Amino acid sequence: MTLEMRYREKREECQRILTDAALKHELQERIEDLAAFLGEQTEAVTEYSEPLAWRLVEKVTVYDEKLVVEFKSGLGVEVEA
């Protein structure tokens, strides 16, 4: 393996590490934001909350037989219609 190839390999590895760190930081910020929002709530959430939905839900896809709810965390849930 040439020196140039090793350099490129290490540079790509460094880029992957920086990207992973940025994603972890972004996720940590979202968790802290949600925790602060939930900490402001004075009562248990027992019914639909528009502000909470906007903070949690990325998108909802409607099909004839089901709904697919995709959360900002990346998780998804299918709900039978």
N, C-alpha and C. Protein backbone atom coordinates (compact mmCIF):
# COMPACT_ATOMS: atom_id res chain seq x y z
N MET A 1 0.85 -1.17 0.00
CA MET A 1 0.00 0.00 0.00
C MET A 1 0.90 1.24 0.00
N THR A 2 0.64 2.13 -0.91
CA THR A 2 1.46 3.33 -1.02
C THR A 2 1.09 4.33 0.08
N LEU A 3 1.95 5.26 0.28
CA LEU A 3 1.73 6.31 1.27
C LEU A 3 0.49 7.12 0.92
N GLU A 4 0.31 7.40 -0.35
CA GLU A 4 -0.86 8.17 -0.80
C GLU A 4 -2.15 7.41 -0.51
N MET A 5 -2.17 6.12 -0.73
CA MET A 5 -3.36 5.31 -0.46
C MET A 5 -3.67 5.30 1.05
N ARG A 6 -2.64 5.18 1.87
CA ARG A 6 -2.83 5.20 3.31
C ARG A 6 -3.36 6.55 3.77
N TYR A 7 -2.84 7.62 3.16
CA TYR A 7 -3.31 8.96 3.48
C TYR A 7 -4.80 9.11 3.17
N ARG A 8 -5.21 8.67 1.99
CA ARG A 8 -6.62 8.77 1.59
C ARG A 8 -7.51 7.94 2.52
N GLU A 9 -7.03 6.76 2.87
CA GLU A 9 -7.78 5.88 3.76
C GLU A 9 -7.98 6.56 5.13
N LYS A 10 -6.93 7.14 5.67
CA LYS A 10 -7.02 7.82 6.97
C LYS A 10 -7.89 9.07 6.88
N ARG A 11 -7.82 9.75 5.76
CA ARG A 11 -8.65 10.94 5.57
C ARG A 11 -10.13 10.56 5.53
N GLU A 12 -10.47 9.48 4.84
CA GLU A 12 -11.85 9.00 4.79
C GLU A 12 -12.32 8.55 6.16
N GLU A 13 -11.44 7.88 6.89
CA GLU A 13 -11.78 7.44 8.24
C GLU A 13 -12.05 8.65 9.14
N CYS A 14 -11.23 9.66 9.03
CA CYS A 14 -11.42 10.88 9.80
C CYS A 14 -12.76 11.54 9.46
N GLN A 15 -13.10 11.58 8.19
CA GLN A 15 -14.36 12.17 7.74
C GLN A 15 -15.55 11.40 8.32
N ARG A 16 -15.45 10.07 8.34
CA ARG A 16 -16.52 9.24 8.92
C ARG A 16 -16.68 9.52 10.41
N ILE A 17 -15.56 9.66 11.09
CA ILE A 17 -15.60 9.94 12.54
C ILE A 17 -16.24 11.31 12.79
N LEU A 18 -15.88 12.30 12.01
CA LEU A 18 -16.46 13.63 12.17
C LEU A 18 -17.96 13.63 11.86
N THR A 19 -18.36 12.90 10.85
CA THR A 19 -19.78 12.79 10.51
C THR A 19 -20.55 12.10 11.62
N ASP A 20 -20.02 11.01 12.15
CA ASP A 20 -20.66 10.31 13.26
C ASP A 20 -20.80 11.22 14.48
N ALA A 21 -19.76 11.97 14.77
CA ALA A 21 -19.79 12.88 15.92
C ALA A 21 -20.85 13.96 15.73
N ALA A 22 -20.98 14.48 14.52
CA ALA A 22 -21.99 15.51 14.25
C ALA A 22 -23.39 14.93 14.40
N LEU A 23 -23.61 13.71 13.92
CA LEU A 23 -24.92 13.08 14.06
C LEU A 23 -25.26 12.83 15.53
N LYS A 24 -24.28 12.38 16.30
CA LYS A 24 -24.51 12.15 17.74
C LYS A 24 -24.82 13.46 18.44
N HIS A 25 -24.14 14.53 18.08
CA HIS A 25 -24.38 15.84 18.68
C HIS A 25 -25.79 16.32 18.35
N GLU A 26 -26.20 16.15 17.11
CA GLU A 26 -27.55 16.55 16.69
C GLU A 26 -28.61 15.77 17.45
N LEU A 27 -28.40 14.47 17.59
CA LEU A 27 -29.34 13.64 18.34
C LEU A 27 -29.39 14.06 19.80
N GLN A 28 -28.25 14.35 20.38
CA GLN A 28 -28.21 14.79 21.78
C GLN A 28 -28.97 16.10 21.95
N GLU A 29 -28.83 17.02 21.02
CA GLU A 29 -29.57 18.29 21.08
C GLU A 29 -31.07 18.05 21.00
N ARG A 30 -31.51 17.14 20.13
CA ARG A 30 -32.94 16.84 20.02
C ARG A 30 -33.47 16.23 21.31
N ILE A 31 -32.67 15.33 21.91
CA ILE A 31 -33.09 14.70 23.16
C ILE A 31 -33.21 15.76 24.26
N GLU A 32 -32.23 16.65 24.36
CA GLU A 32 -32.27 17.70 25.37
C GLU A 32 -33.44 18.63 25.16
N ASP A 33 -33.73 18.98 23.90
CA ASP A 33 -34.87 19.84 23.58
C ASP A 33 -36.18 19.17 24.00
N LEU A 34 -36.34 17.90 23.67
CA LEU A 34 -37.55 17.18 24.03
C LEU A 34 -37.67 17.04 25.54
N ALA A 35 -36.56 16.74 26.22
CA ALA A 35 -36.58 16.61 27.67
C ALA A 35 -36.99 17.93 28.32
N ALA A 36 -36.48 19.04 27.81
CA ALA A 36 -36.85 20.35 28.35
C ALA A 36 -38.33 20.62 28.11
N PHE A 37 -38.82 20.30 26.93
CA PHE A 37 -40.24 20.49 26.61
C PHE A 37 -41.12 19.66 27.54
N LEU A 38 -40.76 18.39 27.71
CA LEU A 38 -41.56 17.52 28.58
C LEU A 38 -41.46 17.98 30.04
N GLY A 39 -40.32 18.52 30.43
CA GLY A 39 -40.17 19.04 31.79
C GLY A 39 -41.05 20.24 32.07
N GLU A 40 -41.42 20.97 31.02
CA GLU A 40 -42.30 22.14 31.17
C GLU A 40 -43.76 21.73 31.33
N GLN A 41 -44.08 20.50 30.98
CA GLN A 41 -45.47 20.04 31.07
C GLN A 41 -45.86 19.88 32.53
N THR A 42 -47.01 20.43 32.89
CA THR A 42 -47.45 20.37 34.28
C THR A 42 -48.33 19.16 34.55
N GLU A 43 -48.83 18.52 33.49
CA GLU A 43 -49.70 17.36 33.64
C GLU A 43 -49.26 16.26 32.70
N ALA A 44 -49.73 15.04 32.98
CA ALA A 44 -49.46 13.92 32.08
C ALA A 44 -50.19 14.17 30.75
N VAL A 45 -49.58 13.74 29.67
CA VAL A 45 -50.21 13.88 28.35
C VAL A 45 -51.21 12.74 28.20
N THR A 46 -52.49 13.09 28.19
CA THR A 46 -53.55 12.08 28.09
C THR A 46 -54.37 12.24 26.83
N GLU A 47 -54.12 13.30 26.08
CA GLU A 47 -54.83 13.51 24.82
C GLU A 47 -53.89 14.17 23.83
N TYR A 48 -54.36 14.31 22.60
CA TYR A 48 -53.53 14.86 21.53
C TYR A 48 -53.00 16.23 21.91
N SER A 49 -51.72 16.43 21.66
CA SER A 49 -51.06 17.71 21.93
C SER A 49 -50.36 18.16 20.65
N GLU A 50 -50.84 19.23 20.08
CA GLU A 50 -50.27 19.76 18.84
C GLU A 50 -48.78 20.09 18.99
N PRO A 51 -48.38 20.81 20.04
CA PRO A 51 -46.94 21.12 20.18
C PRO A 51 -46.08 19.85 20.31
N LEU A 52 -46.57 18.87 21.04
CA LEU A 52 -45.82 17.63 21.20
C LEU A 52 -45.71 16.88 19.88
N ALA A 53 -46.81 16.83 19.14
CA ALA A 53 -46.81 16.16 17.83
C ALA A 53 -45.79 16.81 16.89
N TRP A 54 -45.73 18.14 16.87
CA TRP A 54 -44.78 18.84 16.01
C TRP A 54 -43.34 18.54 16.39
N ARG A 55 -43.09 18.30 17.65
CA ARG A 55 -41.73 18.01 18.10
C ARG A 55 -41.31 16.57 17.83
N LEU A 56 -42.28 15.65 17.80
CA LEU A 56 -41.97 14.24 17.68
C LEU A 56 -42.10 13.66 16.27
N VAL A 57 -43.11 14.08 15.54
CA VAL A 57 -43.47 13.43 14.28
C VAL A 57 -42.81 14.13 13.10
N GLU A 58 -42.12 13.32 12.28
CA GLU A 58 -41.51 13.83 11.05
C GLU A 58 -42.54 13.89 9.93
N LYS A 59 -43.26 12.75 9.72
CA LYS A 59 -44.31 12.73 8.69
C LYS A 59 -45.24 11.56 8.92
N VAL A 60 -46.43 11.69 8.36
CA VAL A 60 -47.43 10.62 8.39
C VAL A 60 -47.81 10.33 6.95
N THR A 61 -47.74 9.06 6.56
CA THR A 61 -48.13 8.64 5.22
C THR A 61 -49.42 7.84 5.34
N VAL A 62 -50.41 8.23 4.56
CA VAL A 62 -51.73 7.59 4.62
C VAL A 62 -51.90 6.66 3.42
N TYR A 63 -52.18 5.39 3.72
CA TYR A 63 -52.50 4.39 2.71
C TYR A 63 -53.95 3.97 2.92
N ASP A 64 -54.50 3.24 1.96
CA ASP A 64 -55.88 2.78 2.09
C ASP A 64 -56.08 1.92 3.33
N GLU A 65 -55.14 1.06 3.62
CA GLU A 65 -55.31 0.09 4.70
C GLU A 65 -54.53 0.41 5.98
N LYS A 66 -53.67 1.46 5.96
CA LYS A 66 -52.87 1.76 7.14
C LYS A 66 -52.32 3.19 7.10
N LEU A 67 -51.80 3.62 8.24
CA LEU A 67 -51.06 4.87 8.36
C LEU A 67 -49.63 4.50 8.76
N VAL A 68 -48.67 5.22 8.26
CA VAL A 68 -47.29 5.03 8.67
C VAL A 68 -46.81 6.35 9.27
N VAL A 69 -46.48 6.30 10.56
CA VAL A 69 -46.01 7.48 11.27
C VAL A 69 -44.50 7.36 11.41
N GLU A 70 -43.79 8.36 10.90
CA GLU A 70 -42.33 8.38 11.00
C GLU A 70 -41.94 9.49 11.97
N PHE A 71 -41.20 9.10 13.00
CA PHE A 71 -40.78 10.05 14.02
C PHE A 71 -39.43 10.67 13.67
N LYS A 72 -39.16 11.82 14.24
CA LYS A 72 -37.90 12.50 13.98
C LYS A 72 -36.71 11.69 14.45
N SER A 73 -36.94 10.77 15.36
CA SER A 73 -35.86 9.91 15.85
C SER A 73 -35.45 8.86 14.83
N GLY A 74 -36.27 8.69 13.77
CA GLY A 74 -35.99 7.69 12.76
C GLY A 74 -36.84 6.44 12.90
N LEU A 75 -37.53 6.30 14.03
CA LEU A 75 -38.41 5.17 14.22
C LEU A 75 -39.69 5.36 13.43
N GLY A 76 -40.32 4.26 13.08
CA GLY A 76 -41.58 4.29 12.36
C GLY A 76 -42.58 3.33 12.96
N VAL A 77 -43.86 3.68 12.84
CA VAL A 77 -44.94 2.83 13.37
C VAL A 77 -46.02 2.74 12.31
N GLU A 78 -46.50 1.52 12.09
CA GLU A 78 -47.63 1.31 11.19
C GLU A 78 -48.88 1.14 12.03
N VAL A 79 -49.94 1.85 11.63
CA VAL A 79 -51.22 1.77 12.34
C VAL A 79 -52.26 1.31 11.34
N GLU A 80 -52.92 0.19 11.67
CA GLU A 80 -53.98 -0.32 10.79
C GLU A 80 -55.14 0.66 10.79
N ALA A 81 -55.68 0.93 9.59
CA ALA A 81 -56.81 1.87 9.47
C ALA A 81 -58.12 1.18 9.76
